[in-house]
Structure formats: structure tokens, C-alpha cells
Amino acid sequence: RAVGFLAAGPGVRQFLDIGSGLPTVDNTHQVAQRAA
């Protein structure tokens, strides 16, 4: 929800995911790049 909102609403195009953990579904880049 947060990444999707930022990428689609205010138009944020850069994300720094600190402490990301093991990849799973809907990782930050997947959500952001769906919107932008």
C-alpha cells in the first residue's frame, strides 16, 4: 500500500529499502514498477 501510493500518487520514483529481508511476493520494486 505504501509503495503503491507513493509511486502512483505523489510520483516518487526512487526507493531505498533498508533491512529488506528475503525476497517474497510484492517486493518494493515490483509494486513500484507496476505503478511506474
ModelCIF file with pLDDT and N, C-alpha, C, O atoms, coordinates in Angstrom:
data_MODEL
#
_entry.id   MODEL 
#
_entity.id                         1 
_entity.type                       polymer 
_entity.pdbx_number_of_molecules   1 
#
_entity_poly.entity_id                      1 
_entity_poly.type                           'polypeptide(L)' 
_entity_poly.nstd_linkage                   no 
_entity_poly.nstd_monomer                   no 
_entity_poly.pdbx_seq_one_letter_code       RAVGFLAAGPGVRQFLDIGSGLPTVDNTHQVAQRAA 
_entity_poly.pdbx_seq_one_letter_code_can   RAVGFLAAGPGVRQFLDIGSGLPTVDNTHQVAQRAA 
_entity_poly.pdbx_strand_id                 A 
#
loop_
_entity_poly_seq.entity_id 
_entity_poly_seq.num 
_entity_poly_seq.mon_id 
_entity_poly_seq.hetero 
1 1  ARG n 
1 2  ALA n 
1 3  VAL n 
1 4  GLY n 
1 5  PHE n 
1 6  LEU n 
1 7  ALA n 
1 8  ALA n 
1 9  GLY n 
1 10 PRO n 
1 11 GLY n 
1 12 VAL n 
1 13 ARG n 
1 14 GLN n 
1 15 PHE n 
1 16 LEU n 
1 17 ASP n 
1 18 ILE n 
1 19 GLY n 
1 20 SER n 
1 21 GLY n 
1 22 LEU n 
1 23 PRO n 
1 24 THR n 
1 25 VAL n 
1 26 ASP n 
1 27 ASN n 
1 28 THR n 
1 29 HIS n 
1 30 GLN n 
1 31 VAL n 
1 32 ALA n 
1 33 GLN n 
1 34 ARG n 
1 35 ALA n 
1 36 ALA n 
#
_struct_asym.id          A 
_struct_asym.entity_id   1 
#
loop_
_ma_qa_metric.id 
_ma_qa_metric.mode 
_ma_qa_metric.name 
_ma_qa_metric.software_group_id 
_ma_qa_metric.type 
1 global pLDDT . pLDDT 
2 local  pLDDT . pLDDT 
#
_ma_qa_metric_global.metric_id      1 
_ma_qa_metric_global.metric_value   92.89 
_ma_qa_metric_global.model_id       1 
_ma_qa_metric_global.ordinal_id     1 
#
loop_
_ma_qa_metric_local.label_asym_id 
_ma_qa_metric_local.label_comp_id 
_ma_qa_metric_local.label_seq_id 
_ma_qa_metric_local.metric_id 
_ma_qa_metric_local.metric_value 
_ma_qa_metric_local.model_id 
_ma_qa_metric_local.ordinal_id 
A ARG 1  2 96.00 1 1  
A ALA 2  2 96.00 1 2  
A VAL 3  2 97.00 1 3  
A GLY 4  2 96.00 1 4  
A PHE 5  2 97.00 1 5  
A LEU 6  2 97.00 1 6  
A ALA 7  2 97.00 1 7  
A ALA 8  2 94.00 1 8  
A GLY 9  2 89.00 1 9  
A PRO 10 2 88.00 1 10 
A GLY 11 2 89.00 1 11 
A VAL 12 2 96.00 1 12 
A ARG 13 2 97.00 1 13 
A GLN 14 2 98.00 1 14 
A PHE 15 2 98.00 1 15 
A LEU 16 2 98.00 1 16 
A ASP 17 2 96.00 1 17 
A ILE 18 2 96.00 1 18 
A GLY 19 2 90.00 1 19 
A SER 20 2 88.00 1 20 
A GLY 21 2 85.00 1 21 
A LEU 22 2 83.00 1 22 
A PRO 23 2 85.00 1 23 
A THR 24 2 83.00 1 24 
A VAL 25 2 80.00 1 25 
A ASP 26 2 88.00 1 26 
A ASN 27 2 92.00 1 27 
A THR 28 2 94.00 1 28 
A HIS 29 2 94.00 1 29 
A GLN 30 2 94.00 1 30 
A VAL 31 2 95.00 1 31 
A ALA 32 2 96.00 1 32 
A GLN 33 2 96.00 1 33 
A ARG 34 2 95.00 1 34 
A ALA 35 2 95.00 1 35 
A ALA 36 2 96.00 1 36 
#
loop_
_atom_site.group_PDB 
_atom_site.id 
_atom_site.type_symbol 
_atom_site.label_atom_id 
_atom_site.label_alt_id 
_atom_site.label_comp_id 
_atom_site.label_asym_id 
_atom_site.label_entity_id 
_atom_site.label_seq_id 
_atom_site.pdbx_PDB_ins_code 
_atom_site.Cartn_x 
_atom_site.Cartn_y 
_atom_site.Cartn_z 
_atom_site.occupancy 
_atom_site.B_iso_or_equiv 
_atom_site.pdbx_formal_charge 
_atom_site.auth_seq_id 
_atom_site.auth_comp_id 
_atom_site.auth_asym_id 
_atom_site.auth_atom_id 
_atom_site.pdbx_PDB_model_num 
ATOM 1   N N  . ARG A 1 1  ? 0.831  -1.215  0.000   1.00 96.00 ? 1  ARG A N  1 
ATOM 2   C CA . ARG A 1 1  ? 0.000  0.000   0.000   1.00 96.00 ? 1  ARG A CA 1 
ATOM 3   C C  . ARG A 1 1  ? 0.858  1.254   0.000   1.00 96.00 ? 1  ARG A C  1 
ATOM 4   O O  . ARG A 1 1  ? 0.595  2.183   -0.763  1.00 96.00 ? 1  ARG A O  1 
ATOM 5   N N  . ALA A 1 2  ? 1.877  1.291   0.845   1.00 96.00 ? 2  ALA A N  1 
ATOM 6   C CA . ALA A 1 2  ? 2.717  2.483   0.967   1.00 96.00 ? 2  ALA A CA 1 
ATOM 7   C C  . ALA A 1 2  ? 3.487  2.751   -0.323  1.00 96.00 ? 2  ALA A C  1 
ATOM 8   O O  . ALA A 1 2  ? 3.479  3.871   -0.832  1.00 96.00 ? 2  ALA A O  1 
ATOM 9   N N  . VAL A 1 3  ? 4.145  1.734   -0.847  1.00 97.00 ? 3  VAL A N  1 
ATOM 10  C CA . VAL A 1 3  ? 4.923  1.910   -2.079  1.00 97.00 ? 3  VAL A CA 1 
ATOM 11  C C  . VAL A 1 3  ? 3.998  2.234   -3.244  1.00 97.00 ? 3  VAL A C  1 
ATOM 12  O O  . VAL A 1 3  ? 4.292  3.122   -4.045  1.00 97.00 ? 3  VAL A O  1 
ATOM 13  N N  . GLY A 1 4  ? 2.885  1.522   -3.340  1.00 96.00 ? 4  GLY A N  1 
ATOM 14  C CA . GLY A 1 4  ? 1.933  1.792   -4.411  1.00 96.00 ? 4  GLY A CA 1 
ATOM 15  C C  . GLY A 1 4  ? 1.408  3.217   -4.358  1.00 96.00 ? 4  GLY A C  1 
ATOM 16  O O  . GLY A 1 4  ? 1.298  3.881   -5.389  1.00 96.00 ? 4  GLY A O  1 
ATOM 17  N N  . PHE A 1 5  ? 1.085  3.685   -3.169  1.00 97.00 ? 5  PHE A N  1 
ATOM 18  C CA . PHE A 1 5  ? 0.611  5.065   -3.017  1.00 97.00 ? 5  PHE A CA 1 
ATOM 19  C C  . PHE A 1 5  ? 1.686  6.056   -3.435  1.00 97.00 ? 5  PHE A C  1 
ATOM 20  O O  . PHE A 1 5  ? 1.411  6.982   -4.199  1.00 97.00 ? 5  PHE A O  1 
ATOM 21  N N  . LEU A 1 6  ? 2.903  5.874   -2.946  1.00 97.00 ? 6  LEU A N  1 
ATOM 22  C CA . LEU A 1 6  ? 3.982  6.819   -3.255  1.00 97.00 ? 6  LEU A CA 1 
ATOM 23  C C  . LEU A 1 6  ? 4.314  6.849   -4.745  1.00 97.00 ? 6  LEU A C  1 
ATOM 24  O O  . LEU A 1 6  ? 4.562  7.915   -5.308  1.00 97.00 ? 6  LEU A O  1 
ATOM 25  N N  . ALA A 1 7  ? 4.319  5.689   -5.375  1.00 97.00 ? 7  ALA A N  1 
ATOM 26  C CA . ALA A 1 7  ? 4.662  5.636   -6.800  1.00 97.00 ? 7  ALA A CA 1 
ATOM 27  C C  . ALA A 1 7  ? 3.536  6.175   -7.679  1.00 97.00 ? 7  ALA A C  1 
ATOM 28  O O  . ALA A 1 7  ? 3.798  6.830   -8.688  1.00 97.00 ? 7  ALA A O  1 
ATOM 29  N N  . ALA A 1 8  ? 2.299  5.906   -7.307  1.00 94.00 ? 8  ALA A N  1 
ATOM 30  C CA . ALA A 1 8  ? 1.173  6.331   -8.138  1.00 94.00 ? 8  ALA A CA 1 
ATOM 31  C C  . ALA A 1 8  ? 0.691  7.730   -7.791  1.00 94.00 ? 8  ALA A C  1 
ATOM 32  O O  . ALA A 1 8  ? 0.357  8.506   -8.687  1.00 94.00 ? 8  ALA A O  1 
ATOM 33  N N  . GLY A 1 9  ? 0.650  8.069   -6.496  1.00 89.00 ? 9  GLY A N  1 
ATOM 34  C CA . GLY A 1 9  ? 0.114  9.361   -6.067  1.00 89.00 ? 9  GLY A CA 1 
ATOM 35  C C  . GLY A 1 9  ? 1.110  10.491  -6.228  1.00 89.00 ? 9  GLY A C  1 
ATOM 36  O O  . GLY A 1 9  ? 1.083  11.193  -7.239  1.00 89.00 ? 9  GLY A O  1 
ATOM 37  N N  . PRO A 1 10 ? 1.987  10.683  -5.259  1.00 88.00 ? 10 PRO A N  1 
ATOM 38  C CA . PRO A 1 10 ? 2.935  11.795  -5.322  1.00 88.00 ? 10 PRO A CA 1 
ATOM 39  C C  . PRO A 1 10 ? 4.015  11.631  -6.391  1.00 88.00 ? 10 PRO A C  1 
ATOM 40  O O  . PRO A 1 10 ? 4.760  12.573  -6.659  1.00 88.00 ? 10 PRO A O  1 
ATOM 41  N N  . GLY A 1 11 ? 4.108  10.471  -6.992  1.00 89.00 ? 11 GLY A N  1 
ATOM 42  C CA . GLY A 1 11 ? 5.064  10.282  -8.080  1.00 89.00 ? 11 GLY A CA 1 
ATOM 43  C C  . GLY A 1 11 ? 6.492  10.024  -7.634  1.00 89.00 ? 11 GLY A C  1 
ATOM 44  O O  . GLY A 1 11 ? 7.430  10.382  -8.347  1.00 89.00 ? 11 GLY A O  1 
ATOM 45  N N  . VAL A 1 12 ? 6.680  9.414   -6.478  1.00 96.00 ? 12 VAL A N  1 
ATOM 46  C CA . VAL A 1 12 ? 8.027  9.041   -6.045  1.00 96.00 ? 12 VAL A CA 1 
ATOM 47  C C  . VAL A 1 12 ? 8.512  7.922   -6.965  1.00 96.00 ? 12 VAL A C  1 
ATOM 48  O O  . VAL A 1 12 ? 7.783  6.962   -7.217  1.00 96.00 ? 12 VAL A O  1 
ATOM 49  N N  . ARG A 1 13 ? 9.720  8.043   -7.457  1.00 97.00 ? 13 ARG A N  1 
ATOM 50  C CA . ARG A 1 13 ? 10.267 7.057   -8.397  1.00 97.00 ? 13 ARG A CA 1 
ATOM 51  C C  . ARG A 1 13 ? 11.518 6.360   -7.878  1.00 97.00 ? 13 ARG A C  1 
ATOM 52  O O  . ARG A 1 13 ? 12.134 5.569   -8.593  1.00 97.00 ? 13 ARG A O  1 
ATOM 53  N N  . GLN A 1 14 ? 11.898 6.655   -6.619  1.00 98.00 ? 14 GLN A N  1 
ATOM 54  C CA . GLN A 1 14 ? 13.105 6.068   -6.054  1.00 98.00 ? 14 GLN A CA 1 
ATOM 55  C C  . GLN A 1 14 ? 12.813 5.575   -4.647  1.00 98.00 ? 14 GLN A C  1 
ATOM 56  O O  . GLN A 1 14 ? 12.187 6.268   -3.845  1.00 98.00 ? 14 GLN A O  1 
ATOM 57  N N  . PHE A 1 15 ? 13.280 4.363   -4.364  1.00 98.00 ? 15 PHE A N  1 
ATOM 58  C CA . PHE A 1 15 ? 13.015 3.733   -3.079  1.00 98.00 ? 15 PHE A CA 1 
ATOM 59  C C  . PHE A 1 15 ? 14.291 3.105   -2.550  1.00 98.00 ? 15 PHE A C  1 
ATOM 60  O O  . PHE A 1 15 ? 15.025 2.443   -3.284  1.00 98.00 ? 15 PHE A O  1 
ATOM 61  N N  . LEU A 1 16 ? 14.544 3.322   -1.269  1.00 98.00 ? 16 LEU A N  1 
ATOM 62  C CA . LEU A 1 16 ? 15.670 2.712   -0.572  1.00 98.00 ? 16 LEU A CA 1 
ATOM 63  C C  . LEU A 1 16 ? 15.079 1.827   0.509   1.00 98.00 ? 16 LEU A C  1 
ATOM 64  O O  . LEU A 1 16 ? 14.560 2.322   1.510   1.00 98.00 ? 16 LEU A O  1 
ATOM 65  N N  . ASP A 1 17 ? 15.159 0.517   0.309   1.00 96.00 ? 17 ASP A N  1 
ATOM 66  C CA . ASP A 1 17 ? 14.530 -0.463  1.194   1.00 96.00 ? 17 ASP A CA 1 
ATOM 67  C C  . ASP A 1 17 ? 15.601 -1.042  2.117   1.00 96.00 ? 17 ASP A C  1 
ATOM 68  O O  . ASP A 1 17 ? 16.349 -1.937  1.725   1.00 96.00 ? 17 ASP A O  1 
ATOM 69  N N  . ILE A 1 18 ? 15.670 -0.528  3.340   1.00 96.00 ? 18 ILE A N  1 
ATOM 70  C CA . ILE A 1 18 ? 16.708 -0.911  4.304   1.00 96.00 ? 18 ILE A CA 1 
ATOM 71  C C  . ILE A 1 18 ? 16.177 -2.015  5.207   1.00 96.00 ? 18 ILE A C  1 
ATOM 72  O O  . ILE A 1 18 ? 15.108 -1.888  5.803   1.00 96.00 ? 18 ILE A O  1 
ATOM 73  N N  . GLY A 1 19 ? 16.944 -3.103  5.300   1.00 90.00 ? 19 GLY A N  1 
ATOM 74  C CA . GLY A 1 19 ? 16.501 -4.264  6.071   1.00 90.00 ? 19 GLY A CA 1 
ATOM 75  C C  . GLY A 1 19 ? 15.432 -5.029  5.330   1.00 90.00 ? 19 GLY A C  1 
ATOM 76  O O  . GLY A 1 19 ? 14.445 -5.465  5.923   1.00 90.00 ? 19 GLY A O  1 
ATOM 77  N N  . SER A 1 20 ? 15.625 -5.192  4.038   1.00 88.00 ? 20 SER A N  1 
ATOM 78  C CA . SER A 1 20 ? 14.595 -5.740  3.157   1.00 88.00 ? 20 SER A CA 1 
ATOM 79  C C  . SER A 1 20 ? 14.231 -7.191  3.442   1.00 88.00 ? 20 SER A C  1 
ATOM 80  O O  . SER A 1 20 ? 13.094 -7.597  3.201   1.00 88.00 ? 20 SER A O  1 
ATOM 81  N N  . GLY A 1 21 ? 15.164 -7.972  3.945   1.00 85.00 ? 21 GLY A N  1 
ATOM 82  C CA . GLY A 1 21 ? 14.878 -9.381  4.214   1.00 85.00 ? 21 GLY A CA 1 
ATOM 83  C C  . GLY A 1 21 ? 14.816 -10.197 2.943   1.00 85.00 ? 21 GLY A C  1 
ATOM 84  O O  . GLY A 1 21 ? 15.039 -9.683  1.846   1.00 85.00 ? 21 GLY A O  1 
ATOM 85  N N  . LEU A 1 22 ? 14.508 -11.479 3.101   1.00 83.00 ? 22 LEU A N  1 
ATOM 86  C CA . LEU A 1 22 ? 14.451 -12.378 1.946   1.00 83.00 ? 22 LEU A CA 1 
ATOM 87  C C  . LEU A 1 22 ? 13.364 -11.957 0.968   1.00 83.00 ? 22 LEU A C  1 
ATOM 88  O O  . LEU A 1 22 ? 12.283 -11.540 1.386   1.00 83.00 ? 22 LEU A O  1 
ATOM 89  N N  . PRO A 1 23 ? 13.636 -12.060 -0.320  1.00 85.00 ? 23 PRO A N  1 
ATOM 90  C CA . PRO A 1 23 ? 12.617 -11.723 -1.321  1.00 85.00 ? 23 PRO A CA 1 
ATOM 91  C C  . PRO A 1 23 ? 11.389 -12.623 -1.175  1.00 85.00 ? 23 PRO A C  1 
ATOM 92  O O  . PRO A 1 23 ? 11.495 -13.809 -0.862  1.00 85.00 ? 23 PRO A O  1 
ATOM 93  N N  . THR A 1 24 ? 10.240 -12.030 -1.409  1.00 83.00 ? 24 THR A N  1 
ATOM 94  C CA . THR A 1 24 ? 8.979  -12.764 -1.348  1.00 83.00 ? 24 THR A CA 1 
ATOM 95  C C  . THR A 1 24 ? 8.069  -12.193 -2.433  1.00 83.00 ? 24 THR A C  1 
ATOM 96  O O  . THR A 1 24 ? 8.573  -11.736 -3.459  1.00 83.00 ? 24 THR A O  1 
ATOM 97  N N  . VAL A 1 25 ? 6.786  -12.201 -2.252  1.00 80.00 ? 25 VAL A N  1 
ATOM 98  C CA . VAL A 1 25 ? 5.876  -11.621 -3.249  1.00 80.00 ? 25 VAL A CA 1 
ATOM 99  C C  . VAL A 1 25 ? 5.707  -10.138 -2.986  1.00 80.00 ? 25 VAL A C  1 
ATOM 100 O O  . VAL A 1 25 ? 5.820  -9.672  -1.852  1.00 80.00 ? 25 VAL A O  1 
ATOM 101 N N  . ASP A 1 26 ? 5.435  -9.410  -4.049  1.00 88.00 ? 26 ASP A N  1 
ATOM 102 C CA . ASP A 1 26 ? 5.233  -7.957  -3.973  1.00 88.00 ? 26 ASP A CA 1 
ATOM 103 C C  . ASP A 1 26 ? 6.372  -7.253  -3.242  1.00 88.00 ? 26 ASP A C  1 
ATOM 104 O O  . ASP A 1 26 ? 6.154  -6.534  -2.267  1.00 88.00 ? 26 ASP A O  1 
ATOM 105 N N  . ASN A 1 27 ? 7.581  -7.471  -3.730  1.00 92.00 ? 27 ASN A N  1 
ATOM 106 C CA . ASN A 1 27 ? 8.734  -6.750  -3.220  1.00 92.00 ? 27 ASN A CA 1 
ATOM 107 C C  . ASN A 1 27 ? 8.623  -5.287  -3.652  1.00 92.00 ? 27 ASN A C  1 
ATOM 108 O O  . ASN A 1 27 ? 7.841  -4.956  -4.543  1.00 92.00 ? 27 ASN A O  1 
ATOM 109 N N  . THR A 1 28 ? 9.391  -4.436  -3.033  1.00 94.00 ? 28 THR A N  1 
ATOM 110 C CA . THR A 1 28 ? 9.304  -2.994  -3.275  1.00 94.00 ? 28 THR A CA 1 
ATOM 111 C C  . THR A 1 28 ? 9.376  -2.653  -4.753  1.00 94.00 ? 28 THR A C  1 
ATOM 112 O O  . THR A 1 28 ? 8.546  -1.890  -5.248  1.00 94.00 ? 28 THR A O  1 
ATOM 113 N N  . HIS A 1 29 ? 10.346 -3.198  -5.465  1.00 94.00 ? 29 HIS A N  1 
ATOM 114 C CA . HIS A 1 29 ? 10.486 -2.832  -6.882  1.00 94.00 ? 29 HIS A CA 1 
ATOM 115 C C  . HIS A 1 29 ? 9.309  -3.326  -7.719  1.00 94.00 ? 29 HIS A C  1 
ATOM 116 O O  . HIS A 1 29 ? 8.924  -2.670  -8.687  1.00 94.00 ? 29 HIS A O  1 
ATOM 117 N N  . GLN A 1 30 ? 8.739  -4.464  -7.363  1.00 94.00 ? 30 GLN A N  1 
ATOM 118 C CA . GLN A 1 30 ? 7.600  -4.975  -8.128  1.00 94.00 ? 30 GLN A CA 1 
ATOM 119 C C  . GLN A 1 30 ? 6.389  -4.059  -7.981  1.00 94.00 ? 30 GLN A C  1 
ATOM 120 O O  . GLN A 1 30 ? 5.713  -3.747  -8.962  1.00 94.00 ? 30 GLN A O  1 
ATOM 121 N N  . VAL A 1 31 ? 6.127  -3.639  -6.765  1.00 95.00 ? 31 VAL A N  1 
ATOM 122 C CA . VAL A 1 31 ? 4.988  -2.748  -6.517  1.00 95.00 ? 31 VAL A CA 1 
ATOM 123 C C  . VAL A 1 31 ? 5.233  -1.394  -7.176  1.00 95.00 ? 31 VAL A C  1 
ATOM 124 O O  . VAL A 1 31 ? 4.359  -0.870  -7.867  1.00 95.00 ? 31 VAL A O  1 
ATOM 125 N N  . ALA A 1 32 ? 6.415  -0.831  -6.965  1.00 96.00 ? 32 ALA A N  1 
ATOM 126 C CA . ALA A 1 32 ? 6.727  0.492   -7.529  1.00 96.00 ? 32 ALA A CA 1 
ATOM 127 C C  . ALA A 1 32 ? 6.705  0.459   -9.055  1.00 96.00 ? 32 ALA A C  1 
ATOM 128 O O  . ALA A 1 32 ? 6.164  1.365   -9.689  1.00 96.00 ? 32 ALA A O  1 
ATOM 129 N N  . GLN A 1 33 ? 7.285  -0.573  -9.639  1.00 96.00 ? 33 GLN A N  1 
ATOM 130 C CA . GLN A 1 33 ? 7.384  -0.617  -11.094 1.00 96.00 ? 33 GLN A CA 1 
ATOM 131 C C  . GLN A 1 33 ? 6.072  -0.998  -11.769 1.00 96.00 ? 33 GLN A C  1 
ATOM 132 O O  . GLN A 1 33 ? 5.919  -0.783  -12.971 1.00 96.00 ? 33 GLN A O  1 
ATOM 133 N N  . ARG A 1 34 ? 5.125  -1.560  -11.025 1.00 95.00 ? 34 ARG A N  1 
ATOM 134 C CA . ARG A 1 34 ? 3.771  -1.746  -11.582 1.00 95.00 ? 34 ARG A CA 1 
ATOM 135 C C  . ARG A 1 34 ? 3.120  -0.379  -11.785 1.00 95.00 ? 34 ARG A C  1 
ATOM 136 O O  . ARG A 1 34 ? 2.449  -0.144  -12.790 1.00 95.00 ? 34 ARG A O  1 
ATOM 137 N N  . ALA A 1 35 ? 3.323  0.514   -10.825 1.00 95.00 ? 35 ALA A N  1 
ATOM 138 C CA . ALA A 1 35 ? 2.736  1.853   -10.911 1.00 95.00 ? 35 ALA A CA 1 
ATOM 139 C C  . ALA A 1 35 ? 3.554  2.758   -11.827 1.00 95.00 ? 35 ALA A C  1 
ATOM 140 O O  . ALA A 1 35 ? 2.994  3.579   -12.554 1.00 95.00 ? 35 ALA A O  1 
ATOM 141 N N  . ALA A 1 36 ? 4.878  2.610   -11.794 1.00 96.00 ? 36 ALA A N  1 
ATOM 142 C CA . ALA A 1 36 ? 5.772  3.467   -12.576 1.00 96.00 ? 36 ALA A CA 1 
ATOM 143 C C  . ALA A 1 36 ? 6.991  2.631   -12.986 1.00 96.00 ? 36 ALA A C  1 
ATOM 144 O O  . ALA A 1 36 ? 7.891  3.138   -13.656 1.00 96.00 ? 36 ALA A O  1 
#
